[in-house]
Amino acid sequence: MEIELAKCECCGLKEECTQDYISEVKENFDGKWLCGLCSEAVRDEVNNRVKKNMPLFGLEEALKAHMAFCGKYHRSNPAICVADGMRKMLRRISAANLSSSSTPSSPSPSSSSSSSSSSKKLLSRSSSTTTSASSLSFY
């Protein structure tokens, strides 16, 4: 089984793949090789138009639209684009989960009196002091 480096024709991401897999992907996308993320984006574009009763997009039109989108936002390192997209997706999911949650995720004040000092210590290292919640930044 021979491994080859394939470059996504949308975003430029390079992946190591077998020749069989490369051929299968090209067969599905008009002879173009797409990474997993771009191939899912193209499929989603086709499926979302059906769900939203929009004018139907064939695979070829969805592929052209996605390639244009990637060209518009092309960066020198496609891995950064993938990481940035994942970060944005996780933020949206997190925000949606927080807004749809009907029960508080933190304990009530009466039940946390005995553990209030331990709940403020989020991280600890074996040779350093603990970090409080007020000094952490995630974004």
C-alpha atoms as a PDB file:
ATOM      1  CA  MET A   1       0.000   0.000   0.000  1.00  0.00           C
ATOM      2  CA  GLU A   2       1.653   3.179  -1.224  1.00  0.00           C
ATOM      3  CA  ILE A   3       1.161   6.475   0.637  1.00  0.00           C
ATOM      4  CA  GLU A   4       1.147   9.753  -1.288  1.00  0.00           C
ATOM      5  CA  LEU A   5       0.884  13.392  -0.298  1.00  0.00           C
ATOM      6  CA  ALA A   6      -2.364  14.886  -1.612  1.00  0.00           C
ATOM      7  CA  LYS A   7      -3.105  18.607  -1.618  1.00  0.00           C
ATOM      8  CA  CYS A   8      -6.670  19.858  -1.235  1.00  0.00           C
ATOM      9  CA  GLU A   9      -7.690  21.856  -4.295  1.00  0.00           C
ATOM     10  CA  CYS A  10      -9.874  24.114  -2.129  1.00  0.00           C
ATOM     11  CA  CYS A  11      -7.861  25.051   0.948  1.00  0.00           C
ATOM     12  CA  GLY A  12      -4.394  23.719   0.115  1.00  0.00           C
ATOM     13  CA  LEU A  13      -4.145  21.411   3.128  1.00  0.00           C
ATOM     14  CA  LYS A  14      -1.821  18.478   2.492  1.00  0.00           C
ATOM     15  CA  GLU A  15      -2.584  14.976   3.737  1.00  0.00           C
ATOM     16  CA  GLU A  16      -0.897  11.618   3.411  1.00  0.00           C
ATOM     17  CA  CYS A  17      -3.317   9.192   1.755  1.00  0.00           C
ATOM     18  CA  THR A  18      -3.352   5.929  -0.115  1.00  0.00           C
ATOM     19  CA  GLN A  19      -3.735   6.080  -3.877  1.00  0.00           C
ATOM     20  CA  ASP A  20      -7.054   4.221  -3.588  1.00  0.00           C
ATOM     21  CA  TYR A  21      -8.449   6.877  -1.239  1.00  0.00           C
ATOM     22  CA  ILE A  22      -7.197   9.707  -3.459  1.00  0.00           C
ATOM     23  CA  SER A  23      -8.876   8.088  -6.474  1.00  0.00           C
ATOM     24  CA  GLU A  24     -12.143   7.603  -4.569  1.00  0.00           C
ATOM     25  CA  VAL A  25     -12.261  11.246  -3.466  1.00  0.00           C
ATOM     26  CA  LYS A  26     -11.450  12.499  -6.967  1.00  0.00           C
ATOM     27  CA  GLU A  27     -14.191  10.286  -8.360  1.00  0.00           C
ATOM     28  CA  ASN A  28     -16.699  11.892  -5.980  1.00  0.00           C
ATOM     29  CA  PHE A  29     -15.647  15.497  -6.670  1.00  0.00           C
ATOM     30  CA  ASP A  30     -15.248  15.996 -10.416  1.00  0.00           C
ATOM     31  CA  GLY A  31     -11.629  14.841 -10.484  1.00  0.00           C
ATOM     32  CA  LYS A  32     -10.553  17.197  -7.696  1.00  0.00           C
ATOM     33  CA  TRP A  33      -9.013  16.015  -4.442  1.00  0.00           C
ATOM     34  CA  LEU A  34     -10.543  17.618  -1.337  1.00  0.00           C
ATOM     35  CA  CYS A  35      -9.517  17.227   2.271  1.00  0.00           C
ATOM     36  CA  GLY A  36     -12.090  15.809   4.675  1.00  0.00           C
ATOM     37  CA  LEU A  37     -13.193  19.208   5.964  1.00  0.00           C
ATOM     38  CA  CYS A  38     -13.745  20.690   2.496  1.00  0.00           C
ATOM     39  CA  SER A  39     -15.519  17.584   1.215  1.00  0.00           C
ATOM     40  CA  GLU A  40     -17.933  17.771   4.164  1.00  0.00           C
ATOM     41  CA  ALA A  41     -18.473  21.492   3.549  1.00  0.00           C
ATOM     42  CA  VAL A  42     -19.382  20.800  -0.089  1.00  0.00           C
ATOM     43  CA  ARG A  43     -21.780  17.997   0.898  1.00  0.00           C
ATOM     44  CA  ASP A  44     -23.342  20.207   3.574  1.00  0.00           C
ATOM     45  CA  GLU A  45     -23.877  22.991   1.029  1.00  0.00           C
ATOM     46  CA  VAL A  46     -25.817  20.624  -1.209  1.00  0.00           C
ATOM     47  CA  ASN A  47     -27.844  19.178   1.706  1.00  0.00           C
ATOM     48  CA  ASN A  48     -28.580  22.546   3.355  1.00  0.00           C
ATOM     49  CA  ARG A  49     -30.075  23.943   0.168  1.00  0.00           C
ATOM     50  CA  VAL A  50     -32.496  21.024   0.044  1.00  0.00           C
ATOM     51  CA  LYS A  51     -33.494  21.522   3.703  1.00  0.00           C
ATOM     52  CA  LYS A  52     -33.973  25.291   3.285  1.00  0.00           C
ATOM     53  CA  ASN A  53     -36.014  24.959   0.062  1.00  0.00           C
ATOM     54  CA  MET A  54     -33.440  27.051  -1.798  1.00  0.00           C
ATOM     55  CA  PRO A  55     -32.707  26.564  -5.489  1.00  0.00           C
ATOM     56  CA  LEU A  56     -30.922  23.259  -5.748  1.00  0.00           C
ATOM     57  CA  PHE A  57     -27.166  23.233  -6.023  1.00  0.00           C
ATOM     58  CA  GLY A  58     -25.585  20.352  -7.806  1.00  0.00           C
ATOM     59  CA  LEU A  59     -22.307  18.997  -6.555  1.00  0.00           C
ATOM     60  CA  GLU A  60     -20.427  20.922  -9.240  1.00  0.00           C
ATOM     61  CA  GLU A  61     -21.964  24.268  -8.193  1.00  0.00           C
ATOM     62  CA  ALA A  62     -21.379  23.556  -4.499  1.00  0.00           C
ATOM     63  CA  LEU A  63     -17.764  22.667  -5.260  1.00  0.00           C
ATOM     64  CA  LYS A  64     -17.252  25.894  -7.227  1.00  0.00           C
ATOM     65  CA  ALA A  65     -18.853  27.940  -4.439  1.00  0.00           C
ATOM     66  CA  HIS A  66     -16.669  26.336  -1.782  1.00  0.00           C
ATOM     67  CA  MET A  67     -13.521  26.759  -3.870  1.00  0.00           C
ATOM     68  CA  ALA A  68     -14.375  30.454  -4.325  1.00  0.00           C
ATOM     69  CA  PHE A  69     -14.933  30.783  -0.574  1.00  0.00           C
ATOM     70  CA  CYS A  70     -11.589  29.146   0.194  1.00  0.00           C
ATOM     71  CA  GLY A  71      -9.851  31.335  -2.380  1.00  0.00           C
ATOM     72  CA  LYS A  72     -11.296  34.431  -0.765  1.00  0.00           C
ATOM     73  CA  TYR A  73     -10.014  33.485   2.686  1.00  0.00           C
ATOM     74  CA  HIS A  74      -6.834  31.661   1.657  1.00  0.00           C
ATOM     75  CA  ARG A  75      -3.962  31.869   4.139  1.00  0.00           C
ATOM     76  CA  SER A  76      -0.386  30.798   3.688  1.00  0.00           C
ATOM     77  CA  ASN A  77      -0.876  27.908   6.134  1.00  0.00           C
ATOM     78  CA  PRO A  78      -4.112  25.943   5.602  1.00  0.00           C
ATOM     79  CA  ALA A  79      -3.730  24.196   8.960  1.00  0.00           C
ATOM     80  CA  ILE A  80      -4.331  27.574  10.609  1.00  0.00           C
ATOM     81  CA  CYS A  81      -7.603  27.881   8.683  1.00  0.00           C
ATOM     82  CA  VAL A  82      -8.697  24.449   9.878  1.00  0.00           C
ATOM     83  CA  ALA A  83      -7.769  25.249  13.484  1.00  0.00           C
ATOM     84  CA  ASP A  84      -9.518  28.619  13.269  1.00  0.00           C
ATOM     85  CA  GLY A  85     -12.654  26.999  11.865  1.00  0.00           C
ATOM     86  CA  MET A  86     -12.682  24.410  14.637  1.00  0.00           C
ATOM     87  CA  ARG A  87     -12.235  27.149  17.266  1.00  0.00           C
ATOM     88  CA  LYS A  88     -15.197  29.106  15.864  1.00  0.00           C
ATOM     89  CA  MET A  89     -17.340  25.980  15.677  1.00  0.00           C
ATOM     90  CA  LEU A  90     -16.574  25.077  19.299  1.00  0.00           C
ATOM     91  CA  ARG A  91     -17.420  28.615  20.419  1.00  0.00           C
ATOM     92  CA  ARG A  92     -20.804  28.434  18.660  1.00  0.00           C
ATOM     93  CA  ILE A  93     -21.572  25.027  20.143  1.00  0.00           C
ATOM     94  CA  SER A  94     -20.518  26.178  23.595  1.00  0.00           C
ATOM     95  CA  ALA A  95     -22.625  29.333  23.363  1.00  0.00           C
ATOM     96  CA  ALA A  96     -25.624  27.345  22.143  1.00  0.00           C
ATOM     97  CA  ASN A  97     -25.273  24.845  24.977  1.00  0.00           C
ATOM     98  CA  LEU A  98     -25.033  27.611  27.565  1.00  0.00           C
ATOM     99  CA  SER A  99     -28.085  29.443  26.246  1.00  0.00           C
ATOM    100  CA  SER A 100     -30.213  26.297  25.931  1.00  0.00           C
ATOM    101  CA  SER A 101     -29.326  24.919  29.345  1.00  0.00           C
ATOM    102  CA  SER A 102     -32.254  25.318  31.720  1.00  0.00           C
ATOM    103  CA  THR A 103     -30.478  24.103  34.832  1.00  0.00           C
ATOM    104  CA  PRO A 104     -27.452  25.827  36.319  1.00  0.00           C
ATOM    105  CA  SER A 105     -24.247  23.864  36.012  1.00  0.00           C
ATOM    106  CA  SER A 106     -22.728  25.252  39.201  1.00  0.00           C
ATOM    107  CA  PRO A 107     -23.746  24.071  42.656  1.00  0.00           C
ATOM    108  CA  SER A 108     -26.075  26.148  44.769  1.00  0.00           C
ATOM    109  CA  PRO A 109     -24.477  28.493  47.348  1.00  0.00           C
ATOM    110  CA  SER A 110     -25.744  26.417  50.284  1.00  0.00           C
ATOM    111  CA  SER A 111     -24.117  23.211  49.059  1.00  0.00           C
ATOM    112  CA  SER A 112     -20.813  24.809  48.101  1.00  0.00           C
ATOM    113  CA  SER A 113     -19.894  26.423  51.435  1.00  0.00           C
ATOM    114  CA  SER A 114     -17.602  23.580  52.429  1.00  0.00           C
ATOM    115  CA  SER A 115     -15.925  23.342  49.040  1.00  0.00           C
ATOM    116  CA  SER A 116     -15.738  27.018  48.076  1.00  0.00           C
ATOM    117  CA  SER A 117     -11.964  27.237  48.419  1.00  0.00           C
ATOM    118  CA  SER A 118     -11.359  24.061  46.411  1.00  0.00           C
ATOM    119  CA  SER A 119     -13.734  25.098  43.608  1.00  0.00           C
ATOM    120  CA  LYS A 120     -11.670  28.224  42.910  1.00  0.00           C
ATOM    121  CA  LYS A 121      -8.521  26.213  42.310  1.00  0.00           C
ATOM    122  CA  LEU A 122      -8.752  25.098  38.710  1.00  0.00           C
ATOM    123  CA  LEU A 123      -5.242  24.023  37.855  1.00  0.00           C
ATOM    124  CA  SER A 124      -2.354  22.819  39.919  1.00  0.00           C
ATOM    125  CA  ARG A 125       1.146  21.820  39.059  1.00  0.00           C
ATOM    126  CA  SER A 126       3.335  19.624  41.156  1.00  0.00           C
ATOM    127  CA  SER A 127       6.016  22.280  41.611  1.00  0.00           C
ATOM    128  CA  SER A 128       4.002  25.498  41.425  1.00  0.00           C
ATOM    129  CA  THR A 129       1.056  27.197  43.068  1.00  0.00           C
ATOM    130  CA  THR A 130      -2.549  26.805  42.025  1.00  0.00           C
ATOM    131  CA  THR A 131      -4.219  29.144  39.531  1.00  0.00           C
ATOM    132  CA  SER A 132      -7.436  30.920  40.388  1.00  0.00           C
ATOM    133  CA  ALA A 133     -10.345  31.265  37.978  1.00  0.00           C
ATOM    134  CA  SER A 134      -9.843  35.028  37.685  1.00  0.00           C
ATOM    135  CA  SER A 135      -6.373  34.616  36.149  1.00  0.00           C
ATOM    136  CA  LEU A 136      -7.362  32.197  33.368  1.00  0.00           C
ATOM    137  CA  SER A 137      -8.131  33.237  29.803  1.00  0.00           C
ATOM    138  CA  PHE A 138      -9.424  30.873  27.139  1.00  0.00           C
ATOM    139  CA  TYR A 139      -9.850  33.160  24.125  1.00  0.00           C
END
